[in-house]
Amino acid sequence: MVITLTTWCIAADVYQNMTVGELVAELKREQLGVGETWDVLARILAHGFMESPQTHALAIIGGRQISGPPGVRARVLSPDEVAEASKLLNVFFDRVIESRYRQLDFTGAQGGGVDGAPTISVEDCIRAYNCLRRFYAKAEIHGEAMALLFAESASSVVGA
């Protein structure tokens, strides 16, 4: 079993009045493109500073934790945090993702094998990064908040 990330846009007014029970009912648009790569991608974006969500990894590990549906961890980012995350995501190029991937310590990461070798490819990370960047950019344009839902699922990665 692995944990997958699904991102959802939330209208700003819903975010302001959000209660735990409203979360699932008020989600607008879904993005599945990050999926199992979230941990490796967050490590790449944080560049070694995972304990601080105020890094380029804000889009994955930022916001505030709330109660989600059963079996799901949930975080929400305000429209201002979404705008900040979008700007932070736009300073990366594919070659930066590639370079940081090559430097990454996969020990203890979802996406790292028992031997410390990656089980998620750099191409998967670049694809996930580009999906995430576009999704946040669109949410920023619309002034939306974001919900990050982390749920256990069967792994689709070979060898994981």
Protein backbone atom coordinates (compact mmCIF):
# COMPACT_ATOMS: atom_id res chain seq x y z
CA MET A 1 0.00 0.00 0.00
CA VAL A 2 1.14 3.53 -0.79
CA ILE A 3 -0.29 6.97 -0.23
CA THR A 4 -1.50 8.92 -3.26
CA LEU A 5 -2.18 12.63 -3.49
CA THR A 6 -5.22 14.13 -5.15
CA THR A 7 -5.55 17.92 -5.33
CA TRP A 8 -8.89 19.67 -5.53
CA CYS A 9 -9.84 23.30 -6.05
CA ILE A 10 -12.21 24.93 -3.57
CA ALA A 11 -14.10 28.19 -4.09
CA ALA A 12 -12.71 31.00 -1.90
CA ASP A 13 -16.06 31.61 -0.17
CA VAL A 14 -16.36 27.91 0.67
CA TYR A 15 -12.83 27.94 2.12
CA GLN A 16 -13.75 30.90 4.36
CA ASN A 17 -16.78 29.08 5.79
CA MET A 18 -15.42 25.56 5.61
CA THR A 19 -16.21 22.98 8.23
CA VAL A 20 -14.89 19.45 8.15
CA GLY A 21 -18.18 18.00 6.91
CA GLU A 22 -18.28 20.36 3.94
CA LEU A 23 -14.93 19.35 2.52
CA VAL A 24 -15.98 16.49 0.28
CA ALA A 25 -19.25 18.10 -0.83
CA GLU A 26 -17.61 21.35 -1.95
CA LEU A 27 -14.68 20.20 -4.06
CA LYS A 28 -14.68 21.68 -7.58
CA ARG A 29 -11.96 20.37 -9.90
CA GLU A 30 -9.75 17.37 -9.34
CA GLN A 31 -6.12 16.78 -10.34
CA LEU A 32 -4.79 13.22 -10.16
CA GLY A 33 -1.47 13.88 -11.91
CA VAL A 34 0.75 13.84 -8.81
CA GLY A 35 -0.51 10.56 -7.34
CA GLU A 36 2.26 8.44 -5.85
CA THR A 37 5.06 10.85 -6.79
CA TRP A 38 4.05 13.42 -4.11
CA ASP A 39 6.70 12.43 -1.54
CA VAL A 40 9.60 12.41 -3.98
CA LEU A 41 8.34 15.58 -5.68
CA ALA A 42 7.97 17.37 -2.32
CA ARG A 43 11.54 16.37 -1.43
CA ILE A 44 12.78 17.68 -4.78
CA LEU A 45 10.92 20.97 -4.36
CA ALA A 46 11.94 21.39 -0.70
CA HIS A 47 15.61 20.69 -1.60
CA GLY A 48 16.33 19.18 1.79
CA PHE A 49 14.07 21.37 3.93
CA MET A 50 11.02 19.10 4.38
CA GLU A 51 10.44 20.33 7.93
CA SER A 52 9.55 23.78 6.57
CA PRO A 53 6.46 23.98 4.37
CA GLN A 54 7.43 27.53 3.40
CA THR A 55 9.65 26.20 0.64
CA HIS A 56 8.86 25.47 -2.99
CA ALA A 57 7.11 22.35 -1.63
CA LEU A 58 4.30 24.52 -0.20
CA ALA A 59 2.00 23.14 -2.93
CA ILE A 60 2.32 19.63 -1.45
CA ILE A 61 3.18 19.94 2.26
CA GLY A 62 1.80 23.39 3.08
CA GLY A 63 -1.51 24.65 4.33
CA ARG A 64 -3.28 23.51 7.44
CA GLN A 65 -4.26 19.99 8.35
CA ILE A 66 -7.97 19.27 8.73
CA SER A 67 -10.00 16.12 9.25
CA GLY A 68 -10.76 14.43 5.97
CA PRO A 69 -13.03 11.59 4.98
CA PRO A 70 -12.33 8.24 6.70
CA GLY A 71 -8.86 6.94 5.80
CA VAL A 72 -7.79 10.22 4.21
CA ARG A 73 -5.45 12.89 5.55
CA ALA A 74 -6.40 16.32 4.34
CA ARG A 75 -4.69 19.70 4.14
CA VAL A 76 -6.15 22.94 2.83
CA LEU A 77 -4.44 26.00 1.42
CA SER A 78 -6.09 29.42 1.39
CA PRO A 79 -6.38 31.35 -1.88
CA ASP A 80 -3.35 33.43 -0.78
CA GLU A 81 -1.33 30.28 -0.13
CA VAL A 82 -2.40 28.89 -3.51
CA ALA A 83 -1.16 32.10 -5.19
CA GLU A 84 2.14 31.89 -3.28
CA ALA A 85 2.56 28.19 -4.15
CA SER A 86 1.79 28.91 -7.81
CA LYS A 87 4.49 31.57 -7.94
CA LEU A 88 7.01 29.25 -6.24
CA LEU A 89 6.23 26.45 -8.69
CA ASN A 90 6.82 28.72 -11.67
CA VAL A 91 10.51 29.26 -10.92
CA PHE A 92 11.48 25.66 -11.74
CA PHE A 93 12.51 24.18 -15.04
CA ASP A 94 12.53 20.49 -15.92
CA ARG A 95 16.33 20.44 -15.71
CA VAL A 96 16.17 21.69 -12.08
CA ILE A 97 13.82 18.82 -11.25
CA GLU A 98 16.23 16.41 -12.98
CA SER A 99 19.27 17.78 -11.15
CA ARG A 100 17.63 17.65 -7.73
CA TYR A 101 16.28 14.16 -8.45
CA ARG A 102 19.84 12.94 -9.08
CA GLN A 103 20.95 14.47 -5.74
CA LEU A 104 17.98 13.16 -3.75
CA ASP A 105 18.40 10.77 -0.85
CA PHE A 106 15.52 8.33 -1.33
CA THR A 107 16.00 6.72 2.09
CA GLY A 108 12.65 6.63 3.86
CA ALA A 109 10.82 8.24 0.94
CA GLN A 110 7.72 6.83 -0.64
CA GLY A 111 9.25 6.21 -4.03
CA GLY A 112 12.47 4.82 -2.60
CA GLY A 113 13.18 1.11 -2.59
CA VAL A 114 14.55 -0.88 0.34
CA ASP A 115 18.03 -0.45 -1.13
CA GLY A 116 17.63 3.35 -1.30
CA ALA A 117 17.25 3.34 -5.09
CA PRO A 118 14.33 5.26 -6.61
CA THR A 119 11.19 3.40 -7.68
CA ILE A 120 9.70 6.52 -9.26
CA SER A 121 11.36 7.83 -12.41
CA VAL A 122 12.54 11.36 -13.03
CA GLU A 123 10.13 11.46 -15.99
CA ASP A 124 7.22 10.70 -13.64
CA CYS A 125 8.39 13.51 -11.34
CA ILE A 126 8.62 16.00 -14.21
CA ARG A 127 5.17 14.99 -15.48
CA ALA A 128 3.70 15.33 -11.97
CA TYR A 129 5.42 18.68 -11.43
CA ASN A 130 4.01 20.08 -14.67
CA CYS A 131 0.49 18.85 -13.79
CA LEU A 132 0.78 20.43 -10.35
CA ARG A 133 2.14 23.72 -11.70
CA ARG A 134 -0.67 24.07 -14.26
CA PHE A 135 -3.34 23.15 -11.71
CA TYR A 136 -2.11 25.73 -9.20
CA ALA A 137 -1.78 28.40 -11.90
CA LYS A 138 -5.41 27.90 -12.94
CA ALA A 139 -6.56 27.95 -9.29
CA GLU A 140 -4.60 31.17 -8.72
CA ILE A 141 -6.25 32.83 -11.72
CA HIS A 142 -9.69 31.93 -10.32
CA GLY A 143 -8.81 32.97 -6.74
CA GLU A 144 -9.47 29.43 -5.47
CA ALA A 145 -8.31 27.58 -2.39
CA MET A 146 -6.92 24.05 -2.56
CA ALA A 147 -7.56 20.75 -0.79
CA LEU A 148 -4.82 18.12 -0.68
CA LEU A 149 -6.12 14.62 -0.01
CA PHE A 150 -3.65 11.89 0.91
CA ALA A 151 -5.21 8.40 0.72
CA GLU A 152 -3.84 4.87 0.90
CA SER A 153 -4.06 2.89 -2.32
CA ALA A 154 -2.53 -0.12 -4.00
CA SER A 155 0.75 0.82 -5.65
CA SER A 156 0.89 1.13 -9.42
CA VAL A 157 4.68 1.50 -9.42
CA VAL A 158 6.50 -1.61 -10.58
CA GLY A 159 8.63 -3.10 -7.84
CA ALA A 160 7.15 -0.97 -5.06
